Amino acid sequence: MLEPIFRGGETYPFARDISEAEAKEIWVDTPLKTYVAMQGKTVLGTFYIKPNQPSLDAHICNCGYAVDAAARGKGVAGLMCEFSQIEAVRLGFLAMQFNLVVETNVGALALWQRLGFAIVGTVPKAFRHPRDGLVAAHVMVKELC
């Protein structure tokens, strides 16, 4: 499920030719927790939670979300985000920060804003989009407690 997302190069800053081992390191090994959303035996999506930064910023978490192409537009990302906020509080985090929300990812931007995340900064030309060239990326935050 992650491979077409990473290979597409439209939402995550990882190399489009990322290896399976590198993807596993980023999505499974490094995060504090990784979750899988399933319906029966079908994987709909996945997300991770990790401290945004070490030590003095470790009370703020960062999450990454991926939804299987067949499940997009069915509310999976929203449900995962809502659940991730509950889990983040349970794990002791006080806020959630998204470090790079690509401006062309309008669906995610609208969803995160609907779920209470605020754009606190915009970095011009921060992301090299495969179709649109250099585009801005937003930093988004939501206090959880």
N, C-alpha and C. Protein backbone atom coordinates (compact mmCIF):
# COMPACT_ATOMS: atom_id res chain seq x y z
N MET A 1 0.82 -1.19 0.00
CA MET A 1 0.00 0.00 0.00
C MET A 1 0.87 1.26 0.00
N LEU A 2 1.98 1.26 0.72
CA LEU A 2 2.84 2.44 0.77
C LEU A 2 3.60 2.66 -0.53
N GLU A 3 3.92 1.58 -1.22
CA GLU A 3 4.75 1.70 -2.42
C GLU A 3 4.19 2.67 -3.46
N PRO A 4 2.92 2.54 -3.88
CA PRO A 4 2.44 3.49 -4.89
C PRO A 4 2.39 4.93 -4.37
N ILE A 5 2.17 5.12 -3.09
CA ILE A 5 2.15 6.46 -2.52
C ILE A 5 3.54 7.07 -2.57
N PHE A 6 4.53 6.32 -2.12
CA PHE A 6 5.91 6.82 -2.13
C PHE A 6 6.42 6.99 -3.56
N ARG A 7 6.13 6.03 -4.42
CA ARG A 7 6.59 6.12 -5.81
C ARG A 7 5.95 7.30 -6.54
N GLY A 8 4.71 7.63 -6.18
CA GLY A 8 4.02 8.76 -6.80
C GLY A 8 4.67 10.10 -6.50
N GLY A 9 5.30 10.22 -5.34
CA GLY A 9 6.04 11.42 -5.00
C GLY A 9 5.21 12.68 -4.86
N GLU A 10 3.93 12.56 -4.52
CA GLU A 10 3.07 13.74 -4.45
C GLU A 10 2.77 14.21 -3.03
N THR A 11 3.03 13.37 -2.02
CA THR A 11 2.63 13.76 -0.66
C THR A 11 3.71 13.58 0.40
N TYR A 12 4.65 12.69 0.20
CA TYR A 12 5.71 12.46 1.17
C TYR A 12 7.06 12.81 0.57
N PRO A 13 8.00 13.30 1.38
CA PRO A 13 9.29 13.75 0.86
C PRO A 13 10.32 12.65 0.65
N PHE A 14 9.91 11.42 0.72
CA PHE A 14 10.84 10.31 0.58
C PHE A 14 11.22 10.12 -0.89
N ALA A 15 12.41 9.60 -1.12
CA ALA A 15 12.86 9.34 -2.49
C ALA A 15 11.87 8.42 -3.19
N ARG A 16 11.56 8.74 -4.43
CA ARG A 16 10.58 7.94 -5.17
C ARG A 16 11.07 6.51 -5.42
N ASP A 17 12.38 6.30 -5.34
CA ASP A 17 12.93 4.95 -5.50
C ASP A 17 13.30 4.33 -4.15
N ILE A 18 12.63 4.76 -3.10
CA ILE A 18 12.89 4.24 -1.76
C ILE A 18 12.81 2.71 -1.76
N SER A 19 13.71 2.08 -1.03
CA SER A 19 13.69 0.62 -0.96
C SER A 19 12.65 0.16 0.07
N GLU A 20 12.28 -1.09 -0.02
CA GLU A 20 11.33 -1.64 0.94
C GLU A 20 11.89 -1.55 2.36
N ALA A 21 13.19 -1.82 2.50
CA ALA A 21 13.81 -1.75 3.83
C ALA A 21 13.79 -0.32 4.38
N GLU A 22 14.05 0.66 3.52
CA GLU A 22 14.00 2.07 3.97
C GLU A 22 12.58 2.47 4.35
N ALA A 23 11.60 2.04 3.57
CA ALA A 23 10.20 2.35 3.87
C ALA A 23 9.79 1.72 5.20
N LYS A 24 10.21 0.50 5.43
CA LYS A 24 9.90 -0.18 6.70
C LYS A 24 10.54 0.56 7.86
N GLU A 25 11.76 1.01 7.68
CA GLU A 25 12.45 1.77 8.73
C GLU A 25 11.66 3.04 9.07
N ILE A 26 11.21 3.76 8.05
CA ILE A 26 10.48 5.02 8.25
C ILE A 26 9.11 4.78 8.85
N TRP A 27 8.39 3.78 8.39
CA TRP A 27 6.98 3.62 8.74
C TRP A 27 6.75 2.69 9.92
N VAL A 28 7.66 1.73 10.14
CA VAL A 28 7.42 0.71 11.16
C VAL A 28 8.47 0.75 12.28
N ASP A 29 9.75 0.79 11.91
CA ASP A 29 10.81 0.63 12.90
C ASP A 29 11.06 1.88 13.74
N THR A 30 11.06 3.05 13.13
CA THR A 30 11.39 4.29 13.83
C THR A 30 10.25 4.83 14.70
N PRO A 31 9.01 4.81 14.24
CA PRO A 31 7.93 5.37 15.06
C PRO A 31 7.76 4.66 16.40
N LEU A 32 7.14 5.37 17.32
CA LEU A 32 6.79 4.78 18.61
C LEU A 32 5.78 3.66 18.42
N LYS A 33 4.77 3.91 17.58
CA LYS A 33 3.73 2.92 17.28
C LYS A 33 3.31 3.06 15.83
N THR A 34 2.96 1.93 15.22
CA THR A 34 2.40 1.91 13.87
C THR A 34 1.10 1.12 13.94
N TYR A 35 0.08 1.62 13.28
CA TYR A 35 -1.26 1.03 13.33
C TYR A 35 -1.72 0.67 11.92
N VAL A 36 -2.63 -0.29 11.83
CA VAL A 36 -3.21 -0.68 10.55
C VAL A 36 -4.73 -0.65 10.71
N ALA A 37 -5.39 0.02 9.78
CA ALA A 37 -6.86 0.06 9.76
C ALA A 37 -7.34 -1.05 8.84
N MET A 38 -8.21 -1.89 9.36
CA MET A 38 -8.68 -3.03 8.57
C MET A 38 -10.20 -3.12 8.61
N GLN A 39 -10.72 -3.69 7.54
CA GLN A 39 -12.13 -4.06 7.50
C GLN A 39 -12.13 -5.53 7.15
N GLY A 40 -12.46 -6.35 8.13
CA GLY A 40 -12.30 -7.79 7.94
C GLY A 40 -10.82 -8.11 7.76
N LYS A 41 -10.50 -8.73 6.64
CA LYS A 41 -9.09 -9.04 6.35
C LYS A 41 -8.47 -8.07 5.35
N THR A 42 -9.20 -7.00 5.02
CA THR A 42 -8.72 -6.03 4.04
C THR A 42 -8.07 -4.85 4.73
N VAL A 43 -6.84 -4.55 4.34
CA VAL A 43 -6.14 -3.39 4.88
C VAL A 43 -6.64 -2.14 4.16
N LEU A 44 -7.14 -1.18 4.94
CA LEU A 44 -7.65 0.07 4.38
C LEU A 44 -6.64 1.20 4.47
N GLY A 45 -5.85 1.17 5.53
CA GLY A 45 -4.88 2.24 5.73
C GLY A 45 -3.93 1.93 6.86
N THR A 46 -3.01 2.85 7.08
CA THR A 46 -2.03 2.71 8.14
C THR A 46 -1.58 4.09 8.59
N PHE A 47 -1.14 4.17 9.84
CA PHE A 47 -0.55 5.41 10.32
C PHE A 47 0.45 5.10 11.42
N TYR A 48 1.33 6.06 11.64
CA TYR A 48 2.30 5.93 12.73
C TYR A 48 2.22 7.15 13.64
N ILE A 49 2.71 6.96 14.86
CA ILE A 49 2.88 8.04 15.84
C ILE A 49 4.30 7.98 16.33
N LYS A 50 4.93 9.15 16.40
CA LYS A 50 6.28 9.24 16.94
C LYS A 50 6.46 10.63 17.53
N PRO A 51 7.43 10.79 18.43
CA PRO A 51 7.74 12.14 18.89
C PRO A 51 8.19 12.98 17.69
N ASN A 52 7.74 14.22 17.62
CA ASN A 52 8.12 15.09 16.52
C ASN A 52 9.62 15.35 16.53
N GLN A 53 10.16 15.57 17.69
CA GLN A 53 11.60 15.78 17.87
C GLN A 53 12.00 15.10 19.18
N PRO A 54 13.28 14.87 19.38
CA PRO A 54 13.72 14.25 20.63
C PRO A 54 13.72 15.25 21.79
N SER A 55 13.75 14.74 22.97
CA SER A 55 14.02 15.45 24.20
C SER A 55 13.02 16.56 24.52
N LEU A 56 13.42 17.81 24.39
CA LEU A 56 12.61 18.92 24.88
C LEU A 56 11.35 19.17 24.06
N ASP A 57 11.22 18.56 22.90
CA ASP A 57 10.03 18.68 22.05
C ASP A 57 9.27 17.35 21.97
N ALA A 58 9.67 16.39 22.80
CA ALA A 58 9.11 15.04 22.69
C ALA A 58 7.67 14.94 23.17
N HIS A 59 7.11 16.00 23.72
CA HIS A 59 5.70 15.99 24.14
C HIS A 59 4.75 16.31 22.97
N ILE A 60 5.33 16.64 21.82
CA ILE A 60 4.55 16.88 20.60
C ILE A 60 4.80 15.70 19.66
N CYS A 61 3.72 15.12 19.17
CA CYS A 61 3.90 13.97 18.29
C CYS A 61 3.74 14.37 16.83
N ASN A 62 4.19 13.48 15.99
CA ASN A 62 4.05 13.59 14.54
C ASN A 62 3.42 12.29 14.07
N CYS A 63 2.55 12.38 13.09
CA CYS A 63 1.92 11.19 12.53
C CYS A 63 2.02 11.24 11.02
N GLY A 64 2.03 10.08 10.41
CA GLY A 64 1.93 9.95 8.97
C GLY A 64 0.80 8.98 8.67
N TYR A 65 0.03 9.26 7.63
CA TYR A 65 -1.13 8.47 7.28
C TYR A 65 -1.04 8.02 5.83
N ALA A 66 -1.52 6.82 5.56
CA ALA A 66 -1.60 6.32 4.19
C ALA A 66 -2.88 5.50 4.06
N VAL A 67 -3.62 5.76 2.99
CA VAL A 67 -4.86 5.04 2.74
C VAL A 67 -4.71 4.29 1.41
N ASP A 68 -5.13 3.03 1.42
CA ASP A 68 -5.09 2.24 0.20
C ASP A 68 -5.95 2.91 -0.87
N ALA A 69 -5.49 2.86 -2.11
CA ALA A 69 -6.18 3.52 -3.21
C ALA A 69 -7.66 3.12 -3.29
N ALA A 70 -7.96 1.87 -3.04
CA ALA A 70 -9.34 1.39 -3.14
C ALA A 70 -10.23 1.92 -2.01
N ALA A 71 -9.62 2.42 -0.94
CA ALA A 71 -10.39 2.89 0.22
C ALA A 71 -10.47 4.41 0.29
N ARG A 72 -9.85 5.11 -0.64
CA ARG A 72 -9.85 6.58 -0.59
C ARG A 72 -11.24 7.14 -0.79
N GLY A 73 -11.50 8.24 -0.12
CA GLY A 73 -12.79 8.91 -0.24
C GLY A 73 -13.88 8.27 0.60
N LYS A 74 -13.51 7.34 1.47
CA LYS A 74 -14.51 6.63 2.28
C LYS A 74 -14.40 6.96 3.77
N GLY A 75 -13.62 7.99 4.10
CA GLY A 75 -13.52 8.42 5.49
C GLY A 75 -12.45 7.73 6.31
N VAL A 76 -11.63 6.91 5.69
CA VAL A 76 -10.61 6.16 6.42
C VAL A 76 -9.57 7.10 7.05
N ALA A 77 -9.08 8.06 6.29
CA ALA A 77 -8.06 8.98 6.82
C ALA A 77 -8.60 9.76 8.02
N GLY A 78 -9.83 10.22 7.93
CA GLY A 78 -10.43 10.95 9.04
C GLY A 78 -10.55 10.09 10.28
N LEU A 79 -11.01 8.86 10.11
CA LEU A 79 -11.12 7.96 11.26
C LEU A 79 -9.76 7.65 11.86
N MET A 80 -8.76 7.45 11.00
CA MET A 80 -7.42 7.19 11.53
C MET A 80 -6.89 8.41 12.28
N CYS A 81 -7.11 9.60 11.74
CA CYS A 81 -6.64 10.80 12.40
C CYS A 81 -7.32 11.00 13.75
N GLU A 82 -8.63 10.79 13.80
CA GLU A 82 -9.34 10.92 15.07
C GLU A 82 -8.82 9.91 16.08
N PHE A 83 -8.62 8.67 15.65
CA PHE A 83 -8.10 7.64 16.55
C PHE A 83 -6.67 7.97 16.97
N SER A 84 -5.87 8.48 16.04
CA SER A 84 -4.48 8.80 16.38
C SER A 84 -4.41 9.89 17.45
N GLN A 85 -5.36 10.80 17.46
CA GLN A 85 -5.37 11.84 18.49
C GLN A 85 -5.68 11.23 19.86
N ILE A 86 -6.60 10.29 19.90
CA ILE A 86 -6.91 9.58 21.15
C ILE A 86 -5.68 8.83 21.63
N GLU A 87 -5.04 8.12 20.71
CA GLU A 87 -3.84 7.36 21.05
C GLU A 87 -2.71 8.28 21.50
N ALA A 88 -2.56 9.41 20.83
CA ALA A 88 -1.50 10.36 21.20
C ALA A 88 -1.68 10.84 22.63
N VAL A 89 -2.89 11.16 23.01
CA VAL A 89 -3.17 11.58 24.39
C VAL A 89 -2.87 10.43 25.34
N ARG A 90 -3.30 9.24 24.99
CA ARG A 90 -3.04 8.05 25.83
C ARG A 90 -1.55 7.83 26.02
N LEU A 91 -0.76 8.14 24.98
CA LEU A 91 0.69 7.96 25.04
C LEU A 91 1.41 9.14 25.70
N GLY A 92 0.65 10.17 26.10
CA GLY A 92 1.23 11.29 26.84
C GLY A 92 1.60 12.51 26.02
N PHE A 93 1.21 12.55 24.76
CA PHE A 93 1.52 13.71 23.93
C PHE A 93 0.51 14.83 24.20
N LEU A 94 0.98 16.07 24.10
CA LEU A 94 0.14 17.23 24.35
C LEU A 94 -0.35 17.90 23.07
N ALA A 95 0.31 17.64 21.97
CA ALA A 95 -0.05 18.24 20.69
C ALA A 95 0.40 17.33 19.57
N MET A 96 -0.16 17.57 18.39
CA MET A 96 0.22 16.82 17.19
C MET A 96 0.63 17.83 16.13
N GLN A 97 1.75 17.56 15.48
CA GLN A 97 2.27 18.47 14.45
C GLN A 97 2.52 17.71 13.17
N PHE A 98 2.05 18.28 12.07
CA PHE A 98 2.36 17.77 10.74
C PHE A 98 3.39 18.72 10.16
N ASN A 99 4.56 18.22 9.85
CA ASN A 99 5.68 19.06 9.44
C ASN A 99 5.65 19.46 7.97
N LEU A 100 4.96 18.68 7.14
CA LEU A 100 5.01 18.96 5.72
C LEU A 100 3.71 18.46 5.07
N VAL A 101 2.75 19.37 4.95
CA VAL A 101 1.51 19.05 4.24
C VAL A 101 1.58 19.82 2.93
N VAL A 102 1.77 19.10 1.86
CA VAL A 102 1.98 19.70 0.54
C VAL A 102 0.72 20.46 0.11
N GLU A 103 0.90 21.68 -0.36
CA GLU A 103 -0.26 22.52 -0.71
C GLU A 103 -1.15 21.92 -1.79
N THR A 104 -0.60 21.07 -2.64
CA THR A 104 -1.40 20.44 -3.69
C THR A 104 -2.24 19.28 -3.16
N ASN A 105 -1.98 18.86 -1.94
CA ASN A 105 -2.75 17.78 -1.31
C ASN A 105 -3.99 18.40 -0.64
N VAL A 106 -4.87 18.95 -1.49
CA VAL A 106 -6.00 19.74 -1.00
C VAL A 106 -6.97 18.91 -0.16
N GLY A 107 -7.11 17.64 -0.46
CA GLY A 107 -7.99 16.79 0.33
C GLY A 107 -7.50 16.65 1.76
N ALA A 108 -6.21 16.40 1.91
CA ALA A 108 -5.64 16.28 3.26
C ALA A 108 -5.71 17.61 4.00
N LEU A 109 -5.39 18.70 3.32
CA LEU A 109 -5.46 20.03 3.96
C LEU A 109 -6.86 20.30 4.49
N ALA A 110 -7.86 20.04 3.68
CA ALA A 110 -9.24 20.28 4.10
C ALA A 110 -9.62 19.37 5.28
N LEU A 111 -9.21 18.12 5.21
CA LEU A 111 -9.52 17.18 6.28
C LEU A 111 -8.87 17.60 7.58
N TRP A 112 -7.57 17.89 7.53
CA TRP A 112 -6.86 18.26 8.77
C TRP A 112 -7.47 19.53 9.36
N GLN A 113 -7.82 20.50 8.54
CA GLN A 113 -8.44 21.72 9.05
C GLN A 113 -9.82 21.42 9.65
N ARG A 114 -10.59 20.56 9.00
CA ARG A 114 -11.90 20.18 9.54
C ARG A 114 -11.76 19.50 10.89
N LEU A 115 -10.64 18.78 11.10
CA LEU A 115 -10.40 18.08 12.36
C LEU A 115 -9.69 18.96 13.39
N GLY A 116 -9.56 20.25 13.10
CA GLY A 116 -9.06 21.19 14.10
C GLY A 116 -7.60 21.56 14.01
N PHE A 117 -6.90 21.12 12.98
CA PHE A 117 -5.49 21.49 12.81
C PHE A 117 -5.39 22.86 12.17
N ALA A 118 -4.46 23.66 12.66
CA ALA A 118 -4.25 25.00 12.12
C ALA A 118 -2.94 25.06 11.36
N ILE A 119 -2.94 25.79 10.26
CA ILE A 119 -1.68 26.07 9.56
C ILE A 119 -0.95 27.13 10.36
N VAL A 120 0.24 26.79 10.85
CA VAL A 120 1.02 27.73 11.66
C VAL A 120 2.23 28.28 10.90
N GLY A 121 2.44 27.74 9.72
CA GLY A 121 3.53 28.23 8.89
C GLY A 121 3.46 27.62 7.51
N THR A 122 4.00 28.34 6.55
CA THR A 122 4.05 27.86 5.17
C THR A 122 5.45 28.10 4.65
N VAL A 123 6.04 27.07 4.08
CA VAL A 123 7.38 27.16 3.52
C VAL A 123 7.24 27.17 1.99
N PRO A 124 7.55 28.30 1.36
CA PRO A 124 7.45 28.36 -0.10
C PRO A 124 8.45 27.42 -0.77
N LYS A 125 8.02 26.83 -1.86
CA LYS A 125 8.89 25.97 -2.67
C LYS A 125 9.58 24.89 -1.84
N ALA A 126 8.87 24.34 -0.87
CA ALA A 126 9.45 23.35 0.04
C ALA A 126 9.43 21.93 -0.50
N PHE A 127 8.60 21.69 -1.51
CA PHE A 127 8.39 20.32 -1.97
C PHE A 127 8.51 20.27 -3.48
N ARG A 128 9.28 19.30 -3.94
CA ARG A 128 9.48 19.11 -5.37
C ARG A 128 8.44 18.13 -5.90
N HIS A 129 7.31 18.67 -6.35
CA HIS A 129 6.19 17.86 -6.83
C HIS A 129 6.52 17.35 -8.24
N PRO A 130 6.22 16.08 -8.55
CA PRO A 130 6.59 15.53 -9.86
C PRO A 130 5.88 16.18 -11.04
N ARG A 131 4.70 16.75 -10.83
CA ARG A 131 3.95 17.40 -11.91
C ARG A 131 4.01 18.92 -11.83
N ASP A 132 3.88 19.44 -10.62
CA ASP A 132 3.71 20.88 -10.43
C ASP A 132 5.00 21.63 -10.10
N GLY A 133 6.10 20.91 -10.02
CA GLY A 133 7.37 21.56 -9.69
C GLY A 133 7.44 21.94 -8.22
N LEU A 134 8.14 23.02 -7.92
CA LEU A 134 8.31 23.44 -6.54
C LEU A 134 7.02 24.06 -6.02
N VAL A 135 6.47 23.46 -4.95
CA VAL A 135 5.23 23.94 -4.35
C VAL A 135 5.45 24.14 -2.85
N ALA A 136 4.59 24.94 -2.27
CA ALA A 136 4.68 25.22 -0.84
C ALA A 136 4.24 24.01 -0.02
N ALA A 137 4.67 24.01 1.22
CA ALA A 137 4.22 23.01 2.19
C ALA A 137 3.88 23.72 3.49
N HIS A 138 2.88 23.20 4.17
CA HIS A 138 2.39 23.81 5.40
C HIS A 138 2.82 22.99 6.61
N VAL A 139 3.04 23.68 7.72
CA VAL A 139 3.20 23.07 9.02
C VAL A 139 1.87 23.26 9.73
N MET A 140 1.33 22.16 10.24
CA MET A 140 0.00 22.21 10.88
C MET A 140 0.11 21.62 12.29
N VAL A 141 -0.66 22.22 13.21
CA VAL A 141 -0.59 21.82 14.61
C VAL A 141 -1.99 21.79 15.21
N LYS A 142 -2.14 20.87 16.16
CA LYS A 142 -3.36 20.85 16.98
C LYS A 142 -2.96 20.50 18.41
N GLU A 143 -3.39 21.32 19.35
CA GLU A 143 -3.20 20.98 20.75
C GLU A 143 -4.18 19.89 21.11
N LEU A 144 -3.73 18.91 21.89
CA LEU A 144 -4.57 17.78 22.23
C LEU A 144 -5.06 17.84 23.66
N CYS A 145 -4.38 18.55 24.51
CA CYS A 145 -4.76 18.64 25.94
C CYS A 145 -4.81 20.08 26.39
